[in-house]
Amino acid sequence: MTTMTLAVPEELKHKMDSFAEINWSEVARQAFKQKVHDLEFLKQFKSKSTLTEKDALRMGKEVSSELSNKLRKKVQ
């Protein structure tokens, strides 16, 4: 297994130290594993997609607009 060194803010390290029973190396390994899995999925999904960037942006704007309208109706 390869060794990796990470830098974390002092405040976070202090909070992590208050949970001595947690294997933070294992937490990091699982987070890395999940992130790589997610990225591989997205890469595969993207390679099979026929959407153009323009299509994706248009659809994103439509979804945002619809959500915004729904939220406005709930507030009123």
PDB file of N, CA and C in Angstrom:
ATOM      1  N   MET A   1       0.851  -1.186   0.000  1.00  0.00           N
ATOM      2  CA  MET A   1       0.000   0.000   0.000  1.00  0.00           C
ATOM      3  C   MET A   1       0.888   1.237   0.000  1.00  0.00           C
ATOM      4  N   THR A   2       0.466   2.235  -0.718  1.00  0.00           N
ATOM      5  CA  THR A   2       1.199   3.492  -0.812  1.00  0.00           C
ATOM      6  C   THR A   2       0.838   4.402   0.358  1.00  0.00           C
ATOM      7  N   THR A   3       1.803   5.180   0.815  1.00  0.00           N
ATOM      8  CA  THR A   3       1.568   6.142   1.887  1.00  0.00           C
ATOM      9  C   THR A   3       1.348   7.511   1.278  1.00  0.00           C
ATOM     10  N   MET A   4       0.364   8.238   1.833  1.00  0.00           N
ATOM     11  CA  MET A   4       0.035   9.575   1.345  1.00  0.00           C
ATOM     12  C   MET A   4      -0.046  10.500   2.548  1.00  0.00           C
ATOM     13  N   THR A   5       0.433  11.705   2.403  1.00  0.00           N
ATOM     14  CA  THR A   5       0.369  12.689   3.481  1.00  0.00           C
ATOM     15  C   THR A   5      -0.620  13.777   3.086  1.00  0.00           C
ATOM     16  N   LEU A   6      -1.502  14.114   4.009  1.00  0.00           N
ATOM     17  CA  LEU A   6      -2.511  15.148   3.761  1.00  0.00           C
ATOM     18  C   LEU A   6      -2.323  16.308   4.722  1.00  0.00           C
ATOM     19  N   ALA A   7      -2.653  17.487   4.278  1.00  0.00           N
ATOM     20  CA  ALA A   7      -2.661  18.662   5.135  1.00  0.00           C
ATOM     21  C   ALA A   7      -4.111  19.023   5.430  1.00  0.00           C
ATOM     22  N   VAL A   8      -4.408  19.232   6.703  1.00  0.00           N
ATOM     23  CA  VAL A   8      -5.755  19.673   7.106  1.00  0.00           C
ATOM     24  C   VAL A   8      -5.594  20.895   8.007  1.00  0.00           C
ATOM     25  N   PRO A   9      -6.587  21.762   8.020  1.00  0.00           N
ATOM     26  CA  PRO A   9      -6.523  22.927   8.903  1.00  0.00           C
ATOM     27  C   PRO A   9      -6.388  22.494  10.370  1.00  0.00           C
ATOM     28  N   GLU A  10      -5.695  23.303  11.145  1.00  0.00           N
ATOM     29  CA  GLU A  10      -5.450  22.988  12.558  1.00  0.00           C
ATOM     30  C   GLU A  10      -6.742  22.739  13.329  1.00  0.00           C
ATOM     31  N   GLU A  11      -7.738  23.573  13.081  1.00  0.00           N
ATOM     32  CA  GLU A  11      -9.016  23.430  13.796  1.00  0.00           C
ATOM     33  C   GLU A  11      -9.656  22.073  13.496  1.00  0.00           C
ATOM     34  N   LEU A  12      -9.604  21.648  12.234  1.00  0.00           N
ATOM     35  CA  LEU A  12     -10.155  20.346  11.867  1.00  0.00           C
ATOM     36  C   LEU A  12      -9.385  19.229  12.551  1.00  0.00           C
ATOM     37  N   LYS A  13      -8.060  19.317  12.560  1.00  0.00           N
ATOM     38  CA  LYS A  13      -7.232  18.300  13.209  1.00  0.00           C
ATOM     39  C   LYS A  13      -7.577  18.207  14.687  1.00  0.00           C
ATOM     40  N   HIS A  14      -7.779  19.334  15.329  1.00  0.00           N
ATOM     41  CA  HIS A  14      -8.148  19.348  16.748  1.00  0.00           C
ATOM     42  C   HIS A  14      -9.479  18.619  16.960  1.00  0.00           C
ATOM     43  N   LYS A  15     -10.446  18.887  16.098  1.00  0.00           N
ATOM     44  CA  LYS A  15     -11.742  18.211  16.212  1.00  0.00           C
ATOM     45  C   LYS A  15     -11.611  16.718  15.941  1.00  0.00           C
ATOM     46  N   MET A  16     -10.787  16.356  14.953  1.00  0.00           N
ATOM     47  CA  MET A  16     -10.577  14.937  14.655  1.00  0.00           C
ATOM     48  C   MET A  16      -9.946  14.223  15.852  1.00  0.00           C
ATOM     49  N   ASP A  17      -9.019  14.899  16.523  1.00  0.00           N
ATOM     50  CA  ASP A  17      -8.348  14.309  17.680  1.00  0.00           C
ATOM     51  C   ASP A  17      -9.314  14.001  18.822  1.00  0.00           C
ATOM     52  N   SER A  18     -10.444  14.682  18.840  1.00  0.00           N
ATOM     53  CA  SER A  18     -11.421  14.429  19.906  1.00  0.00           C
ATOM     54  C   SER A  18     -12.191  13.122  19.675  1.00  0.00           C
ATOM     55  N   PHE A  19     -11.982  12.508  18.508  1.00  0.00           N
ATOM     56  CA  PHE A  19     -12.590  11.213  18.189  1.00  0.00           C
ATOM     57  C   PHE A  19     -11.478  10.192  17.964  1.00  0.00           C
ATOM     58  N   ALA A  20     -10.765   9.881  19.030  1.00  0.00           N
ATOM     59  CA  ALA A  20      -9.587   9.014  18.944  1.00  0.00           C
ATOM     60  C   ALA A  20      -9.924   7.608  18.447  1.00  0.00           C
ATOM     61  N   GLU A  21     -11.165   7.186  18.621  1.00  0.00           N
ATOM     62  CA  GLU A  21     -11.562   5.832  18.229  1.00  0.00           C
ATOM     63  C   GLU A  21     -11.733   5.684  16.711  1.00  0.00           C
ATOM     64  N   ILE A  22     -11.748   6.791  15.999  1.00  0.00           N
ATOM     65  CA  ILE A  22     -11.953   6.761  14.549  1.00  0.00           C
ATOM     66  C   ILE A  22     -10.621   6.556  13.836  1.00  0.00           C
ATOM     67  N   ASN A  23     -10.610   5.639  12.883  1.00  0.00           N
ATOM     68  CA  ASN A  23      -9.437   5.415  12.040  1.00  0.00           C
ATOM     69  C   ASN A  23      -9.555   6.377  10.857  1.00  0.00           C
ATOM     70  N   TRP A  24      -8.934   7.542  10.994  1.00  0.00           N
ATOM     71  CA  TRP A  24      -9.071   8.587   9.993  1.00  0.00           C
ATOM     72  C   TRP A  24      -8.452   8.191   8.662  1.00  0.00           C
ATOM     73  N   SER A  25      -7.449   7.324   8.701  1.00  0.00           N
ATOM     74  CA  SER A  25      -6.870   6.838   7.449  1.00  0.00           C
ATOM     75  C   SER A  25      -7.902   6.039   6.665  1.00  0.00           C
ATOM     76  N   GLU A  26      -8.686   5.233   7.372  1.00  0.00           N
ATOM     77  CA  GLU A  26      -9.727   4.447   6.704  1.00  0.00           C
ATOM     78  C   GLU A  26     -10.840   5.353   6.179  1.00  0.00           C
ATOM     79  N   VAL A  27     -11.189   6.374   6.938  1.00  0.00           N
ATOM     80  CA  VAL A  27     -12.196   7.338   6.483  1.00  0.00           C
ATOM     81  C   VAL A  27     -11.721   7.990   5.182  1.00  0.00           C
ATOM     82  N   ALA A  28     -10.459   8.391   5.142  1.00  0.00           N
ATOM     83  CA  ALA A  28      -9.904   9.017   3.938  1.00  0.00           C
ATOM     84  C   ALA A  28      -9.879   8.023   2.783  1.00  0.00           C
ATOM     85  N   ARG A  29      -9.462   6.784   3.043  1.00  0.00           N
ATOM     86  CA  ARG A  29      -9.434   5.764   1.978  1.00  0.00           C
ATOM     87  C   ARG A  29     -10.816   5.566   1.374  1.00  0.00           C
ATOM     88  N   GLN A  30     -11.824   5.476   2.214  1.00  0.00           N
ATOM     89  CA  GLN A  30     -13.192   5.273   1.723  1.00  0.00           C
ATOM     90  C   GLN A  30     -13.682   6.485   0.944  1.00  0.00           C
ATOM     91  N   ALA A  31     -13.336   7.678   1.399  1.00  0.00           N
ATOM     92  CA  ALA A  31     -13.741   8.896   0.684  1.00  0.00           C
ATOM     93  C   ALA A  31     -13.070   8.951  -0.690  1.00  0.00           C
ATOM     94  N   PHE A  32     -11.785   8.602  -0.749  1.00  0.00           N
ATOM     95  CA  PHE A  32     -11.081   8.577  -2.032  1.00  0.00           C
ATOM     96  C   PHE A  32     -11.694   7.534  -2.955  1.00  0.00           C
ATOM     97  N   LYS A  33     -11.976   6.376  -2.402  1.00  0.00           N
ATOM     98  CA  LYS A  33     -12.556   5.289  -3.193  1.00  0.00           C
ATOM     99  C   LYS A  33     -13.910   5.707  -3.777  1.00  0.00           C
ATOM    100  N   GLN A  34     -14.749   6.325  -2.954  1.00  0.00           N
ATOM    101  CA  GLN A  34     -16.070   6.761  -3.411  1.00  0.00           C
ATOM    102  C   GLN A  34     -15.949   7.837  -4.476  1.00  0.00           C
ATOM    103  N   LYS A  35     -15.036   8.781  -4.277  1.00  0.00           N
ATOM    104  CA  LYS A  35     -14.866   9.862  -5.247  1.00  0.00           C
ATOM    105  C   LYS A  35     -14.399   9.315  -6.593  1.00  0.00           C
ATOM    106  N   VAL A  36     -13.444   8.382  -6.568  1.00  0.00           N
ATOM    107  CA  VAL A  36     -12.966   7.776  -7.816  1.00  0.00           C
ATOM    108  C   VAL A  36     -14.101   7.020  -8.500  1.00  0.00           C
ATOM    109  N   HIS A  37     -14.896   6.301  -7.728  1.00  0.00           N
ATOM    110  CA  HIS A  37     -16.046   5.567  -8.279  1.00  0.00           C
ATOM    111  C   HIS A  37     -17.011   6.533  -8.957  1.00  0.00           C
ATOM    112  N   ASP A  38     -17.322   7.636  -8.277  1.00  0.00           N
ATOM    113  CA  ASP A  38     -18.239   8.636  -8.835  1.00  0.00           C
ATOM    114  C   ASP A  38     -17.685   9.234 -10.131  1.00  0.00           C
ATOM    115  N   LEU A  39     -16.401   9.549 -10.131  1.00  0.00           N
ATOM    116  CA  LEU A  39     -15.782  10.138 -11.318  1.00  0.00           C
ATOM    117  C   LEU A  39     -15.745   9.154 -12.480  1.00  0.00           C
ATOM    118  N   GLU A  40     -15.467   7.875 -12.194  1.00  0.00           N
ATOM    119  CA  GLU A  40     -15.479   6.859 -13.240  1.00  0.00           C
ATOM    120  C   GLU A  40     -16.874   6.706 -13.832  1.00  0.00           C
ATOM    121  N   PHE A  41     -17.892   6.734 -12.962  1.00  0.00           N
ATOM    122  CA  PHE A  41     -19.276   6.648 -13.435  1.00  0.00           C
ATOM    123  C   PHE A  41     -19.594   7.821 -14.355  1.00  0.00           C
ATOM    124  N   LEU A  42     -19.245   9.034 -13.924  1.00  0.00           N
ATOM    125  CA  LEU A  42     -19.526  10.217 -14.736  1.00  0.00           C
ATOM    126  C   LEU A  42     -18.778  10.175 -16.064  1.00  0.00           C
ATOM    127  N   LYS A  43     -17.538   9.713 -16.019  1.00  0.00           N
ATOM    128  CA  LYS A  43     -16.746   9.613 -17.246  1.00  0.00           C
ATOM    129  C   LYS A  43     -17.404   8.637 -18.225  1.00  0.00           C
ATOM    130  N   GLN A  44     -17.862   7.493 -17.717  1.00  0.00           N
ATOM    131  CA  GLN A  44     -18.523   6.500 -18.568  1.00  0.00           C
ATOM    132  C   GLN A  44     -19.848   7.047 -19.094  1.00  0.00           C
ATOM    133  N   PHE A  45     -20.613   7.674 -18.219  1.00  0.00           N
ATOM    134  CA  PHE A  45     -21.893   8.257 -18.602  1.00  0.00           C
ATOM    135  C   PHE A  45     -21.692   9.305 -19.691  1.00  0.00           C
ATOM    136  N   LYS A  46     -20.695  10.151 -19.496  1.00  0.00           N
ATOM    137  CA  LYS A  46     -20.410  11.217 -20.456  1.00  0.00           C
ATOM    138  C   LYS A  46     -20.002  10.642 -21.815  1.00  0.00           C
ATOM    139  N   SER A  47     -19.248   9.562 -21.797  1.00  0.00           N
ATOM    140  CA  SER A  47     -18.775   8.984 -23.060  1.00  0.00           C
ATOM    141  C   SER A  47     -19.921   8.406 -23.883  1.00  0.00           C
ATOM    142  N   LYS A  48     -21.026   8.046 -23.214  1.00  0.00           N
ATOM    143  CA  LYS A  48     -22.172   7.474 -23.921  1.00  0.00           C
ATOM    144  C   LYS A  48     -23.240   8.523 -24.248  1.00  0.00           C
ATOM    145  N   SER A  49     -23.060   9.727 -23.737  1.00  0.00           N
ATOM    146  CA  SER A  49     -24.062  10.776 -23.910  1.00  0.00           C
ATOM    147  C   SER A  49     -23.990  11.384 -25.305  1.00  0.00           C
ATOM    148  N   THR A  50     -25.153  11.715 -25.833  1.00  0.00           N
ATOM    149  CA  THR A  50     -25.219  12.392 -27.126  1.00  0.00           C
ATOM    150  C   THR A  50     -25.534  13.877 -26.959  1.00  0.00           C
ATOM    151  N   LEU A  51     -25.679  14.319 -25.706  1.00  0.00           N
ATOM    152  CA  LEU A  51     -25.964  15.729 -25.455  1.00  0.00           C
ATOM    153  C   LEU A  51     -24.740  16.576 -25.740  1.00  0.00           C
ATOM    154  N   THR A  52     -24.974  17.729 -26.319  1.00  0.00           N
ATOM    155  CA  THR A  52     -23.889  18.691 -26.498  1.00  0.00           C
ATOM    156  C   THR A  52     -23.837  19.568 -25.242  1.00  0.00           C
ATOM    157  N   GLU A  53     -22.758  20.301 -25.092  1.00  0.00           N
ATOM    158  CA  GLU A  53     -22.652  21.221 -23.960  1.00  0.00           C
ATOM    159  C   GLU A  53     -23.775  22.250 -24.023  1.00  0.00           C
ATOM    160  N   LYS A  54     -24.096  22.698 -25.223  1.00  0.00           N
ATOM    161  CA  LYS A  54     -25.176  23.679 -25.411  1.00  0.00           C
ATOM    162  C   LYS A  54     -26.503  23.102 -24.926  1.00  0.00           C
ATOM    163  N   ASP A  55     -26.787  21.831 -25.273  1.00  0.00           N
ATOM    164  CA  ASP A  55     -28.012  21.163 -24.821  1.00  0.00           C
ATOM    165  C   ASP A  55     -28.059  21.094 -23.293  1.00  0.00           C
ATOM    166  N   ALA A  56     -26.937  20.711 -22.700  1.00  0.00           N
ATOM    167  CA  ALA A  56     -26.879  20.568 -21.245  1.00  0.00           C
ATOM    168  C   ALA A  56     -27.120  21.904 -20.553  1.00  0.00           C
ATOM    169  N   LEU A  57     -26.516  22.962 -21.063  1.00  0.00           N
ATOM    170  CA  LEU A  57     -26.717  24.294 -20.481  1.00  0.00           C
ATOM    171  C   LEU A  57     -28.167  24.736 -20.609  1.00  0.00           C
ATOM    172  N   ARG A  58     -28.765  24.488 -21.770  1.00  0.00           N
ATOM    173  CA  ARG A  58     -30.168  24.858 -21.981  1.00  0.00           C
ATOM    174  C   ARG A  58     -31.069  24.108 -21.004  1.00  0.00           C
ATOM    175  N   MET A  59     -30.829  22.809 -20.865  1.00  0.00           N
ATOM    176  CA  MET A  59     -31.644  22.004 -19.951  1.00  0.00           C
ATOM    177  C   MET A  59     -31.446  22.458 -18.508  1.00  0.00           C
ATOM    178  N   GLY A  60     -30.223  22.792 -18.150  1.00  0.00           N
ATOM    179  CA  GLY A  60     -29.954  23.276 -16.798  1.00  0.00           C
ATOM    180  C   GLY A  60     -30.708  24.555 -16.494  1.00  0.00           C
ATOM    181  N   LYS A  61     -30.736  25.458 -17.460  1.00  0.00           N
ATOM    182  CA  LYS A  61     -31.474  26.712 -17.286  1.00  0.00           C
ATOM    183  C   LYS A  61     -32.966  26.447 -17.142  1.00  0.00           C
ATOM    184  N   GLU A  62     -33.491  25.522 -17.929  1.00  0.00           N
ATOM    185  CA  GLU A  62     -34.916  25.184 -17.841  1.00  0.00           C
ATOM    186  C   GLU A  62     -35.257  24.603 -16.478  1.00  0.00           C
ATOM    187  N   VAL A  63     -34.427  23.703 -15.988  1.00  0.00           N
ATOM    188  CA  VAL A  63     -34.664  23.100 -14.673  1.00  0.00           C
ATOM    189  C   VAL A  63     -34.595  24.170 -13.589  1.00  0.00           C
ATOM    190  N   SER A  64     -33.579  25.035 -13.662  1.00  0.00           N
ATOM    191  CA  SER A  64     -33.445  26.109 -12.672  1.00  0.00           C
ATOM    192  C   SER A  64     -34.659  27.022 -12.680  1.00  0.00           C
ATOM    193  N   SER A  65     -35.135  27.340 -13.867  1.00  0.00           N
ATOM    194  CA  SER A  65     -36.299  28.205 -13.991  1.00  0.00           C
ATOM    195  C   SER A  65     -37.540  27.555 -13.376  1.00  0.00           C
ATOM    196  N   GLU A  66     -37.737  26.279 -13.667  1.00  0.00           N
ATOM    197  CA  GLU A  66     -38.892  25.558 -13.125  1.00  0.00           C
ATOM    198  C   GLU A  66     -38.829  25.485 -11.596  1.00  0.00           C
ATOM    199  N   LEU A  67     -37.646  25.183 -11.064  1.00  0.00           N
ATOM    200  CA  LEU A  67     -37.497  25.112  -9.603  1.00  0.00           C
ATOM    201  C   LEU A  67     -37.745  26.467  -8.968  1.00  0.00           C
ATOM    202  N   SER A  68     -37.229  27.500  -9.595  1.00  0.00           N
ATOM    203  CA  SER A  68     -37.425  28.848  -9.091  1.00  0.00           C
ATOM    204  C   SER A  68     -38.907  29.202  -9.058  1.00  0.00           C
ATOM    205  N   ASN A  69     -39.642  28.874 -10.114  1.00  0.00           N
ATOM    206  CA  ASN A  69     -41.075  29.144 -10.163  1.00  0.00           C
ATOM    207  C   ASN A  69     -41.819  28.386  -9.066  1.00  0.00           C
ATOM    208  N   LYS A  70     -41.469  27.114  -8.863  1.00  0.00           N
ATOM    209  CA  LYS A  70     -42.122  26.318  -7.826  1.00  0.00           C
ATOM    210  C   LYS A  70     -41.870  26.895  -6.439  1.00  0.00           C
ATOM    211  N   LEU A  71     -40.626  27.325  -6.185  1.00  0.00           N
ATOM    212  CA  LEU A  71     -40.297  27.901  -4.883  1.00  0.00           C
ATOM    213  C   LEU A  71     -41.039  29.207  -4.648  1.00  0.00           C
ATOM    214  N   ARG A  72     -41.142  30.021  -5.691  1.00  0.00           N
ATOM    215  CA  ARG A  72     -41.862  31.280  -5.571  1.00  0.00           C
ATOM    216  C   ARG A  72     -43.326  31.040  -5.234  1.00  0.00           C
ATOM    217  N   LYS A  73     -43.928  30.031  -5.865  1.00  0.00           N
ATOM    218  CA  LYS A  73     -45.340  29.708  -5.601  1.00  0.00           C
ATOM    219  C   LYS A  73     -45.532  29.255  -4.156  1.00  0.00           C
ATOM    220  N   LYS A  74     -44.567  28.503  -3.601  1.00  0.00           N
ATOM    221  CA  LYS A  74     -44.681  28.021  -2.229  1.00  0.00           C
ATOM    222  C   LYS A  74     -44.580  29.168  -1.228  1.00  0.00           C
ATOM    223  N   VAL A  75     -43.744  30.159  -1.543  1.00  0.00           N
ATOM    224  CA  VAL A  75     -43.535  31.298  -0.646  1.00  0.00           C
ATOM    225  C   VAL A  75     -44.750  32.213  -0.611  1.00  0.00           C
ATOM    226  N   GLN A  76     -45.467  32.299  -1.734  1.00  0.00           N
ATOM    227  CA  GLN A  76     -46.609  33.211  -1.827  1.00  0.00           C
ATOM    228  C   GLN A  76     -47.774  32.735  -1.051  1.00  0.00           C
TER     229      GLN A  76
END
